Amino acid sequence: VERRSVCPDMEEKDISDAKMQVQGQLAAQYIQDVMQKITDKCFDKCVTRPSGKLEDSEKMCTAKCMDRYLDAMALVSQAWAARAKQQAAMGGAGGMGGGGLQ
């Protein structure tokens, strides 16, 4: 199947570059969304009486909370990468769906 029928004026490299740019934008948006979610959750957990400035204890709680979330995300990412590598080594048998990390 020839791709040129869809975009006859675009070179294969241009198409590849456009795909990479879109993937980069999606990754940046995902990171921004995750950071916003972490910030919201940690703020709600640590700041019980919002005021004009954060107390030292609230700052420390928020920093530790965010560190825990980021550590957990890194651990989950590593587990998924290891599982994907294992699945690839097995020839993709069983896929990634179903009884994964819950």
PDB file of N, CA and C in Angstrom:
ATOM      1  N   VAL A   1       0.865  -1.180   0.000  1.00  0.00           N
ATOM      2  CA  VAL A   1       0.000   0.000   0.000  1.00  0.00           C
ATOM      3  C   VAL A   1       0.899   1.228   0.000  1.00  0.00           C
ATOM      4  N   GLU A   2       0.688   2.076  -0.948  1.00  0.00           N
ATOM      5  CA  GLU A   2       1.528   3.259  -1.053  1.00  0.00           C
ATOM      6  C   GLU A   2       0.904   4.410  -0.292  1.00  0.00           C
ATOM      7  N   ARG A   3       1.717   5.077   0.512  1.00  0.00           N
ATOM      8  CA  ARG A   3       1.239   6.187   1.341  1.00  0.00           C
ATOM      9  C   ARG A   3       1.065   7.454   0.532  1.00  0.00           C
ATOM     10  N   ARG A   4       1.752   7.573  -0.559  1.00  0.00           N
ATOM     11  CA  ARG A   4       1.740   8.803  -1.320  1.00  0.00           C
ATOM     12  C   ARG A   4       0.337   9.186  -1.786  1.00  0.00           C
ATOM     13  N   SER A   5      -0.566   8.227  -1.869  1.00  0.00           N
ATOM     14  CA  SER A   5      -1.920   8.550  -2.315  1.00  0.00           C
ATOM     15  C   SER A   5      -2.642   9.456  -1.315  1.00  0.00           C
ATOM     16  N   VAL A   6      -2.265   9.373  -0.049  1.00  0.00           N
ATOM     17  CA  VAL A   6      -2.890  10.209   0.972  1.00  0.00           C
ATOM     18  C   VAL A   6      -2.313  11.621   0.951  1.00  0.00           C
ATOM     19  N   CYS A   7      -1.002  11.731   0.918  1.00  0.00           N
ATOM     20  CA  CYS A   7      -0.312  13.023   0.922  1.00  0.00           C
ATOM     21  C   CYS A   7       0.746  13.013  -0.179  1.00  0.00           C
ATOM     22  N   PRO A   8       0.359  13.200  -1.436  1.00  0.00           N
ATOM     23  CA  PRO A   8       1.306  13.046  -2.537  1.00  0.00           C
ATOM     24  C   PRO A   8       2.472  14.021  -2.494  1.00  0.00           C
ATOM     25  N   ASP A   9       2.327  15.175  -1.870  1.00  0.00           N
ATOM     26  CA  ASP A   9       3.396  16.170  -1.845  1.00  0.00           C
ATOM     27  C   ASP A   9       4.352  15.996  -0.670  1.00  0.00           C
ATOM     28  N   MET A  10       4.027  15.127   0.275  1.00  0.00           N
ATOM     29  CA  MET A  10       4.869  14.959   1.464  1.00  0.00           C
ATOM     30  C   MET A  10       5.870  13.836   1.256  1.00  0.00           C
ATOM     31  N   GLU A  11       7.103  14.110   1.600  1.00  0.00           N
ATOM     32  CA  GLU A  11       8.148  13.092   1.575  1.00  0.00           C
ATOM     33  C   GLU A  11       7.992  12.197   2.802  1.00  0.00           C
ATOM     34  N   GLU A  12       8.519  10.994   2.702  1.00  0.00           N
ATOM     35  CA  GLU A  12       8.454  10.054   3.823  1.00  0.00           C
ATOM     36  C   GLU A  12       9.092  10.656   5.079  1.00  0.00           C
ATOM     37  N   LYS A  13      10.202  11.374   4.927  1.00  0.00           N
ATOM     38  CA  LYS A  13      10.878  12.009   6.067  1.00  0.00           C
ATOM     39  C   LYS A  13       9.982  13.064   6.702  1.00  0.00           C
ATOM     40  N   ASP A  14       9.269  13.835   5.875  1.00  0.00           N
ATOM     41  CA  ASP A  14       8.362  14.856   6.402  1.00  0.00           C
ATOM     42  C   ASP A  14       7.242  14.218   7.218  1.00  0.00           C
ATOM     43  N   ILE A  15       6.730  13.107   6.725  1.00  0.00           N
ATOM     44  CA  ILE A  15       5.668  12.395   7.445  1.00  0.00           C
ATOM     45  C   ILE A  15       6.205  11.881   8.778  1.00  0.00           C
ATOM     46  N   SER A  16       7.402  11.307   8.738  1.00  0.00           N
ATOM     47  CA  SER A  16       8.028  10.798   9.961  1.00  0.00           C
ATOM     48  C   SER A  16       8.284  11.929  10.954  1.00  0.00           C
ATOM     49  N   ASP A  17       8.780  13.060  10.463  1.00  0.00           N
ATOM     50  CA  ASP A  17       9.028  14.220  11.331  1.00  0.00           C
ATOM     51  C   ASP A  17       7.732  14.725  11.958  1.00  0.00           C
ATOM     52  N   ALA A  18       6.662  14.762  11.168  1.00  0.00           N
ATOM     53  CA  ALA A  18       5.368  15.224  11.683  1.00  0.00           C
ATOM     54  C   ALA A  18       4.853  14.281  12.770  1.00  0.00           C
ATOM     55  N   LYS A  19       5.017  12.976  12.543  1.00  0.00           N
ATOM     56  CA  LYS A  19       4.591  11.998  13.555  1.00  0.00           C
ATOM     57  C   LYS A  19       5.364  12.195  14.855  1.00  0.00           C
ATOM     58  N   MET A  20       6.687  12.389  14.730  1.00  0.00           N
ATOM     59  CA  MET A  20       7.511  12.587  15.927  1.00  0.00           C
ATOM     60  C   MET A  20       7.111  13.858  16.665  1.00  0.00           C
ATOM     61  N   GLN A  21       6.788  14.909  15.919  1.00  0.00           N
ATOM     62  CA  GLN A  21       6.381  16.164  16.545  1.00  0.00           C
ATOM     63  C   GLN A  21       5.069  15.974  17.307  1.00  0.00           C
ATOM     64  N   VAL A  22       4.118  15.279  16.702  1.00  0.00           N
ATOM     65  CA  VAL A  22       2.833  15.028  17.367  1.00  0.00           C
ATOM     66  C   VAL A  22       3.047  14.168  18.610  1.00  0.00           C
ATOM     67  N   GLN A  23       3.892  13.145  18.506  1.00  0.00           N
ATOM     68  CA  GLN A  23       4.173  12.296  19.666  1.00  0.00           C
ATOM     69  C   GLN A  23       4.805  13.106  20.792  1.00  0.00           C
ATOM     70  N   GLY A  24       5.707  14.015  20.441  1.00  0.00           N
ATOM     71  CA  GLY A  24       6.327  14.875  21.447  1.00  0.00           C
ATOM     72  C   GLY A  24       5.315  15.778  22.124  1.00  0.00           C
ATOM     73  N   GLN A  25       4.390  16.327  21.331  1.00  0.00           N
ATOM     74  CA  GLN A  25       3.353  17.194  21.892  1.00  0.00           C
ATOM     75  C   GLN A  25       2.428  16.406  22.812  1.00  0.00           C
ATOM     76  N   LEU A  26       2.073  15.187  22.404  1.00  0.00           N
ATOM     77  CA  LEU A  26       1.216  14.350  23.249  1.00  0.00           C
ATOM     78  C   LEU A  26       1.920  13.992  24.554  1.00  0.00           C
ATOM     79  N   ALA A  27       3.208  13.681  24.476  1.00  0.00           N
ATOM     80  CA  ALA A  27       3.969  13.355  25.686  1.00  0.00           C
ATOM     81  C   ALA A  27       4.041  14.557  26.619  1.00  0.00           C
ATOM     82  N   ALA A  28       4.280  15.741  26.055  1.00  0.00           N
ATOM     83  CA  ALA A  28       4.348  16.956  26.874  1.00  0.00           C
ATOM     84  C   ALA A  28       3.004  17.227  27.544  1.00  0.00           C
ATOM     85  N   GLN A  29       1.907  17.033  26.813  1.00  0.00           N
ATOM     86  CA  GLN A  29       0.575  17.248  27.378  1.00  0.00           C
ATOM     87  C   GLN A  29       0.294  16.241  28.491  1.00  0.00           C
ATOM     88  N   TYR A  30       0.696  14.992  28.276  1.00  0.00           N
ATOM     89  CA  TYR A  30       0.507  13.958  29.289  1.00  0.00           C
ATOM     90  C   TYR A  30       1.256  14.321  30.572  1.00  0.00           C
ATOM     91  N   ILE A  31       2.509  14.732  30.426  1.00  0.00           N
ATOM     92  CA  ILE A  31       3.310  15.112  31.594  1.00  0.00           C
ATOM     93  C   ILE A  31       2.667  16.289  32.321  1.00  0.00           C
ATOM     94  N   GLN A  32       2.193  17.267  31.558  1.00  0.00           N
ATOM     95  CA  GLN A  32       1.541  18.432  32.169  1.00  0.00           C
ATOM     96  C   GLN A  32       0.284  18.007  32.928  1.00  0.00           C
ATOM     97  N   ASP A  33      -0.506  17.116  32.339  1.00  0.00           N
ATOM     98  CA  ASP A  33      -1.725  16.634  32.994  1.00  0.00           C
ATOM     99  C   ASP A  33      -1.402  15.872  34.279  1.00  0.00           C
ATOM    100  N   VAL A  34      -0.386  15.016  34.221  1.00  0.00           N
ATOM    101  CA  VAL A  34       0.008  14.246  35.406  1.00  0.00           C
ATOM    102  C   VAL A  34       0.491  15.175  36.511  1.00  0.00           C
ATOM    103  N   MET A  35       1.318  16.143  36.158  1.00  0.00           N
ATOM    104  CA  MET A  35       1.825  17.077  37.168  1.00  0.00           C
ATOM    105  C   MET A  35       0.689  17.889  37.789  1.00  0.00           C
ATOM    106  N   GLN A  36      -0.298  18.278  36.989  1.00  0.00           N
ATOM    107  CA  GLN A  36      -1.441  19.017  37.526  1.00  0.00           C
ATOM    108  C   GLN A  36      -2.232  18.144  38.496  1.00  0.00           C
ATOM    109  N   LYS A  37      -2.417  16.878  38.127  1.00  0.00           N
ATOM    110  CA  LYS A  37      -3.149  15.951  38.987  1.00  0.00           C
ATOM    111  C   LYS A  37      -2.412  15.740  40.313  1.00  0.00           C
ATOM    112  N   ILE A  38      -1.088  15.549  40.230  1.00  0.00           N
ATOM    113  CA  ILE A  38      -0.286  15.369  41.442  1.00  0.00           C
ATOM    114  C   ILE A  38      -0.361  16.616  42.317  1.00  0.00           C
ATOM    115  N   THR A  39      -0.221  17.773  41.696  1.00  0.00           N
ATOM    116  CA  THR A  39      -0.272  19.035  42.441  1.00  0.00           C
ATOM    117  C   THR A  39      -1.608  19.180  43.159  1.00  0.00           C
ATOM    118  N   ASP A  40      -2.702  18.915  42.452  1.00  0.00           N
ATOM    119  CA  ASP A  40      -4.036  19.025  43.052  1.00  0.00           C
ATOM    120  C   ASP A  40      -4.193  18.074  44.235  1.00  0.00           C
ATOM    121  N   LYS A  41      -3.799  16.812  44.035  1.00  0.00           N
ATOM    122  CA  LYS A  41      -3.957  15.820  45.102  1.00  0.00           C
ATOM    123  C   LYS A  41      -3.107  16.166  46.322  1.00  0.00           C
ATOM    124  N   CYS A  42      -1.865  16.564  46.087  1.00  0.00           N
ATOM    125  CA  CYS A  42      -0.978  16.882  47.209  1.00  0.00           C
ATOM    126  C   CYS A  42      -1.419  18.161  47.918  1.00  0.00           C
ATOM    127  N   PHE A  43      -1.890  19.142  47.164  1.00  0.00           N
ATOM    128  CA  PHE A  43      -2.380  20.372  47.783  1.00  0.00           C
ATOM    129  C   PHE A  43      -3.577  20.053  48.676  1.00  0.00           C
ATOM    130  N   ASP A  44      -4.526  19.271  48.145  1.00  0.00           N
ATOM    131  CA  ASP A  44      -5.710  18.909  48.930  1.00  0.00           C
ATOM    132  C   ASP A  44      -5.328  18.141  50.194  1.00  0.00           C
ATOM    133  N   LYS A  45      -4.323  17.281  50.100  1.00  0.00           N
ATOM    134  CA  LYS A  45      -3.900  16.472  51.244  1.00  0.00           C
ATOM    135  C   LYS A  45      -3.156  17.304  52.286  1.00  0.00           C
ATOM    136  N   CYS A  46      -2.330  18.238  51.828  1.00  0.00           N
ATOM    137  CA  CYS A  46      -1.388  18.909  52.730  1.00  0.00           C
ATOM    138  C   CYS A  46      -1.828  20.290  53.207  1.00  0.00           C
ATOM    139  N   VAL A  47      -2.662  20.961  52.455  1.00  0.00           N
ATOM    140  CA  VAL A  47      -3.056  22.331  52.818  1.00  0.00           C
ATOM    141  C   VAL A  47      -4.486  22.279  53.342  1.00  0.00           C
ATOM    142  N   THR A  48      -4.592  22.271  54.661  1.00  0.00           N
ATOM    143  CA  THR A  48      -5.911  22.122  55.283  1.00  0.00           C
ATOM    144  C   THR A  48      -6.635  23.454  55.437  1.00  0.00           C
ATOM    145  N   ARG A  49      -5.868  24.527  55.629  1.00  0.00           N
ATOM    146  CA  ARG A  49      -6.472  25.857  55.778  1.00  0.00           C
ATOM    147  C   ARG A  49      -5.741  26.830  54.853  1.00  0.00           C
ATOM    148  N   PRO A  50      -6.170  26.913  53.587  1.00  0.00           N
ATOM    149  CA  PRO A  50      -5.475  27.814  52.653  1.00  0.00           C
ATOM    150  C   PRO A  50      -5.449  29.251  53.171  1.00  0.00           C
ATOM    151  N   SER A  51      -4.309  29.888  52.989  1.00  0.00           N
ATOM    152  CA  SER A  51      -4.152  31.284  53.391  1.00  0.00           C
ATOM    153  C   SER A  51      -3.246  31.962  52.372  1.00  0.00           C
ATOM    154  N   GLY A  52      -2.750  33.117  52.722  1.00  0.00           N
ATOM    155  CA  GLY A  52      -1.918  33.892  51.808  1.00  0.00           C
ATOM    156  C   GLY A  52      -0.592  33.245  51.473  1.00  0.00           C
ATOM    157  N   LYS A  53      -0.080  32.395  52.374  1.00  0.00           N
ATOM    158  CA  LYS A  53       1.182  31.707  52.094  1.00  0.00           C
ATOM    159  C   LYS A  53       1.175  30.337  52.755  1.00  0.00           C
ATOM    160  N   LEU A  54       2.022  29.461  52.242  1.00  0.00           N
ATOM    161  CA  LEU A  54       2.111  28.112  52.792  1.00  0.00           C
ATOM    162  C   LEU A  54       2.958  28.109  54.057  1.00  0.00           C
ATOM    163  N   GLU A  55       2.502  27.361  55.039  1.00  0.00           N
ATOM    164  CA  GLU A  55       3.296  27.139  56.246  1.00  0.00           C
ATOM    165  C   GLU A  55       4.442  26.194  55.886  1.00  0.00           C
ATOM    166  N   ASP A  56       5.500  26.211  56.695  1.00  0.00           N
ATOM    167  CA  ASP A  56       6.637  25.323  56.438  1.00  0.00           C
ATOM    168  C   ASP A  56       6.208  23.859  56.419  1.00  0.00           C
ATOM    169  N   SER A  57       5.319  23.483  57.335  1.00  0.00           N
ATOM    170  CA  SER A  57       4.859  22.092  57.388  1.00  0.00           C
ATOM    171  C   SER A  57       4.078  21.723  56.121  1.00  0.00           C
ATOM    172  N   GLU A  58       3.316  22.678  55.581  1.00  0.00           N
ATOM    173  CA  GLU A  58       2.572  22.428  54.345  1.00  0.00           C
ATOM    174  C   GLU A  58       3.523  22.283  53.156  1.00  0.00           C
ATOM    175  N   LYS A  59       4.565  23.109  53.137  1.00  0.00           N
ATOM    176  CA  LYS A  59       5.567  23.008  52.070  1.00  0.00           C
ATOM    177  C   LYS A  59       6.245  21.644  52.106  1.00  0.00           C
ATOM    178  N   MET A  60       6.632  21.211  53.315  1.00  0.00           N
ATOM    179  CA  MET A  60       7.318  19.929  53.449  1.00  0.00           C
ATOM    180  C   MET A  60       6.394  18.779  53.066  1.00  0.00           C
ATOM    181  N   CYS A  61       5.161  18.831  53.530  1.00  0.00           N
ATOM    182  CA  CYS A  61       4.187  17.792  53.210  1.00  0.00           C
ATOM    183  C   CYS A  61       3.972  17.709  51.698  1.00  0.00           C
ATOM    184  N   THR A  62       3.812  18.858  51.066  1.00  0.00           N
ATOM    185  CA  THR A  62       3.577  18.895  49.619  1.00  0.00           C
ATOM    186  C   THR A  62       4.777  18.334  48.865  1.00  0.00           C
ATOM    187  N   ALA A  63       5.978  18.719  49.254  1.00  0.00           N
ATOM    188  CA  ALA A  63       7.190  18.224  48.590  1.00  0.00           C
ATOM    189  C   ALA A  63       7.317  16.706  48.740  1.00  0.00           C
ATOM    190  N   LYS A  64       7.078  16.207  49.955  1.00  0.00           N
ATOM    191  CA  LYS A  64       7.175  14.763  50.186  1.00  0.00           C
ATOM    192  C   LYS A  64       6.090  14.011  49.414  1.00  0.00           C
ATOM    193  N   CYS A  65       4.894  14.573  49.389  1.00  0.00           N
ATOM    194  CA  CYS A  65       3.781  13.965  48.663  1.00  0.00           C
ATOM    195  C   CYS A  65       4.116  13.848  47.174  1.00  0.00           C
ATOM    196  N   MET A  66       4.622  14.925  46.608  1.00  0.00           N
ATOM    197  CA  MET A  66       4.967  14.911  45.184  1.00  0.00           C
ATOM    198  C   MET A  66       6.094  13.922  44.914  1.00  0.00           C
ATOM    199  N   ASP A  67       7.081  13.859  45.810  1.00  0.00           N
ATOM    200  CA  ASP A  67       8.171  12.889  45.657  1.00  0.00           C
ATOM    201  C   ASP A  67       7.636  11.462  45.657  1.00  0.00           C
ATOM    202  N   ARG A  68       6.695  11.176  46.570  1.00  0.00           N
ATOM    203  CA  ARG A  68       6.117   9.827  46.636  1.00  0.00           C
ATOM    204  C   ARG A  68       5.374   9.489  45.350  1.00  0.00           C
ATOM    205  N   TYR A  69       4.585  10.431  44.829  1.00  0.00           N
ATOM    206  CA  TYR A  69       3.871  10.197  43.573  1.00  0.00           C
ATOM    207  C   TYR A  69       4.846   9.929  42.433  1.00  0.00           C
ATOM    208  N   LEU A  70       5.891  10.742  42.329  1.00  0.00           N
ATOM    209  CA  LEU A  70       6.857  10.577  41.240  1.00  0.00           C
ATOM    210  C   LEU A  70       7.619   9.262  41.377  1.00  0.00           C
ATOM    211  N   ASP A  71       7.975   8.884  42.607  1.00  0.00           N
ATOM    212  CA  ASP A  71       8.636   7.592  42.829  1.00  0.00           C
ATOM    213  C   ASP A  71       7.717   6.443  42.419  1.00  0.00           C
ATOM    214  N   ALA A  72       6.452   6.543  42.790  1.00  0.00           N
ATOM    215  CA  ALA A  72       5.488   5.499  42.433  1.00  0.00           C
ATOM    216  C   ALA A  72       5.320   5.414  40.918  1.00  0.00           C
ATOM    217  N   MET A  73       5.250   6.564  40.260  1.00  0.00           N
ATOM    218  CA  MET A  73       5.121   6.565  38.800  1.00  0.00           C
ATOM    219  C   MET A  73       6.339   5.922  38.145  1.00  0.00           C
ATOM    220  N   ALA A  74       7.527   6.218  38.656  1.00  0.00           N
ATOM    221  CA  ALA A  74       8.750   5.629  38.104  1.00  0.00           C
ATOM    222  C   ALA A  74       8.741   4.112  38.289  1.00  0.00           C
ATOM    223  N   LEU A  75       8.308   3.657  39.454  1.00  0.00           N
ATOM    224  CA  LEU A  75       8.248   2.226  39.732  1.00  0.00           C
ATOM    225  C   LEU A  75       7.271   1.529  38.789  1.00  0.00           C
ATOM    226  N   VAL A  76       6.105   2.113  38.607  1.00  0.00           N
ATOM    227  CA  VAL A  76       5.106   1.538  37.706  1.00  0.00           C
ATOM    228  C   VAL A  76       5.631   1.522  36.271  1.00  0.00           C
ATOM    229  N   SER A  77       6.268   2.606  35.848  1.00  0.00           N
ATOM    230  CA  SER A  77       6.820   2.665  34.491  1.00  0.00           C
ATOM    231  C   SER A  77       7.867   1.581  34.279  1.00  0.00           C
ATOM    232  N   GLN A  78       8.730   1.380  35.276  1.00  0.00           N
ATOM    233  CA  GLN A  78       9.752   0.335  35.175  1.00  0.00           C
ATOM    234  C   GLN A  78       9.111  -1.047  35.097  1.00  0.00           C
ATOM    235  N   ALA A  79       8.073  -1.267  35.889  1.00  0.00           N
ATOM    236  CA  ALA A  79       7.397  -2.563  35.880  1.00  0.00           C
ATOM    237  C   ALA A  79       6.754  -2.823  34.522  1.00  0.00           C
ATOM    238  N   TRP A  80       6.110  -1.811  33.955  1.00  0.00           N
ATOM    239  CA  TRP A  80       5.485  -1.971  32.639  1.00  0.00           C
ATOM    240  C   TRP A  80       6.531  -2.190  31.558  1.00  0.00           C
ATOM    241  N   ALA A  81       7.652  -1.479  31.638  1.00  0.00           N
ATOM    242  CA  ALA A  81       8.718  -1.660  30.644  1.00  0.00           C
ATOM    243  C   ALA A  81       9.278  -3.076  30.728  1.00  0.00           C
ATOM    244  N   ALA A  82       9.482  -3.573  31.946  1.00  0.00           N
ATOM    245  CA  ALA A  82       9.986  -4.935  32.121  1.00  0.00           C
ATOM    246  C   ALA A  82       8.988  -5.951  31.583  1.00  0.00           C
ATOM    247  N   ARG A  83       7.725  -5.701  31.839  1.00  0.00           N
ATOM    248  CA  ARG A  83       6.695  -6.618  31.351  1.00  0.00           C
ATOM    249  C   ARG A  83       6.621  -6.591  29.830  1.00  0.00           C
ATOM    250  N   ALA A  84       6.716  -5.411  29.241  1.00  0.00           N
ATOM    251  CA  ALA A  84       6.683  -5.299  27.781  1.00  0.00           C
ATOM    252  C   ALA A  84       7.882  -6.013  27.171  1.00  0.00           C
ATOM    253  N   LYS A  85       9.045  -5.861  27.800  1.00  0.00           N
ATOM    254  CA  LYS A  85      10.257  -6.531  27.314  1.00  0.00           C
ATOM    255  C   LYS A  85      10.092  -8.046  27.398  1.00  0.00           C
ATOM    256  N   GLN A  86       9.525  -8.511  28.501  1.00  0.00           N
ATOM    257  CA  GLN A  86       9.297  -9.942  28.681  1.00  0.00           C
ATOM    258  C   GLN A  86       8.311 -10.460  27.635  1.00  0.00           C
ATOM    259  N   GLN A  87       7.237  -9.717  27.401  1.00  0.00           N
ATOM    260  CA  GLN A  87       6.248 -10.118  26.403  1.00  0.00           C
ATOM    261  C   GLN A  87       6.867 -10.155  25.009  1.00  0.00           C
ATOM    262  N   ALA A  88       7.711  -9.159  24.705  1.00  0.00           N
ATOM    263  CA  ALA A  88       8.360  -9.114  23.398  1.00  0.00           C
ATOM    264  C   ALA A  88       9.297 -10.311  23.231  1.00  0.00           C
ATOM    265  N   ALA A  89      10.005 -10.673  24.303  1.00  0.00           N
ATOM    266  CA  ALA A  89      10.918 -11.813  24.250  1.00  0.00           C
ATOM    267  C   ALA A  89      10.160 -13.118  24.046  1.00  0.00           C
ATOM    268  N   MET A  90       8.920 -13.168  24.525  1.00  0.00           N
ATOM    269  CA  MET A  90       8.095 -14.360  24.370  1.00  0.00           C
ATOM    270  C   MET A  90       7.334 -14.330  23.049  1.00  0.00           C
ATOM    271  N   GLY A  91       7.625 -13.368  22.222  1.00  0.00           N
ATOM    272  CA  GLY A  91       6.944 -13.279  20.938  1.00  0.00           C
ATOM    273  C   GLY A  91       5.583 -12.642  21.031  1.00  0.00           C
ATOM    274  N   GLY A  92       5.345 -11.900  22.093  1.00  0.00           N
ATOM    275  CA  GLY A  92       4.069 -11.202  22.243  1.00  0.00           C
ATOM    276  C   GLY A  92       2.948 -12.086  22.736  1.00  0.00           C
ATOM    277  N   ALA A  93       3.239 -13.305  23.136  1.00  0.00           N
ATOM    278  CA  ALA A  93       2.196 -14.214  23.599  1.00  0.00           C
ATOM    279  C   ALA A  93       1.481 -13.641  24.805  1.00  0.00           C
ATOM    280  N   GLY A  94       0.172 -13.635  24.750  1.00  0.00           N
ATOM    281  CA  GLY A  94      -0.610 -13.172  25.888  1.00  0.00           C
ATOM    282  C   GLY A  94      -0.918 -11.703  25.877  1.00  0.00           C
ATOM    283  N   GLY A  95      -0.158 -10.906  25.163  1.00  0.00           N
ATOM    284  CA  GLY A  95      -0.452  -9.477  25.069  1.00  0.00           C
ATOM    285  C   GLY A  95      -0.262  -8.757  26.383  1.00  0.00           C
ATOM    286  N   MET A  96      -0.624  -7.476  26.399  1.00  0.00           N
ATOM    287  CA  MET A  96      -0.478  -6.636  27.588  1.00  0.00           C
ATOM    288  C   MET A  96      -1.818  -6.404  28.269  1.00  0.00           C
ATOM    289  N   GLY A  97      -2.894  -6.846  27.669  1.00  0.00           N
ATOM    290  CA  GLY A  97      -4.211  -6.582  28.244  1.00  0.00           C
ATOM    291  C   GLY A  97      -4.516  -7.525  29.383  1.00  0.00           C
ATOM    292  N   GLY A  98      -5.632  -7.277  30.026  1.00  0.00           N
ATOM    293  CA  GLY A  98      -6.081  -8.170  31.072  1.00  0.00           C
ATOM    294  C   GLY A  98      -5.336  -7.996  32.369  1.00  0.00           C
ATOM    295  N   GLY A  99      -5.111  -9.104  33.080  1.00  0.00           N
ATOM    296  CA  GLY A  99      -4.599  -9.097  34.442  1.00  0.00           C
ATOM    297  C   GLY A  99      -3.243  -8.463  34.651  1.00  0.00           C
ATOM    298  N   GLY A 100      -3.113  -7.214  34.332  1.00  0.00           N
ATOM    299  CA  GLY A 100      -1.862  -6.499  34.554  1.00  0.00           C
ATOM    300  C   GLY A 100      -1.827  -5.878  35.930  1.00  0.00           C
ATOM    301  N   LEU A 101      -0.985  -4.880  36.081  1.00  0.00           N
ATOM    302  CA  LEU A 101      -0.899  -4.160  37.351  1.00  0.00           C
ATOM    303  C   LEU A 101      -2.180  -3.390  37.568  1.00  0.00           C
ATOM    304  N   GLN A 102      -2.789  -3.570  38.676  1.00  0.00           N
ATOM    305  CA  GLN A 102      -4.069  -2.909  38.951  1.00  0.00           C
ATOM    306  C   GLN A 102      -3.900  -1.901  40.044  1.00  0.00           C
TER     307      GLN A 102
END
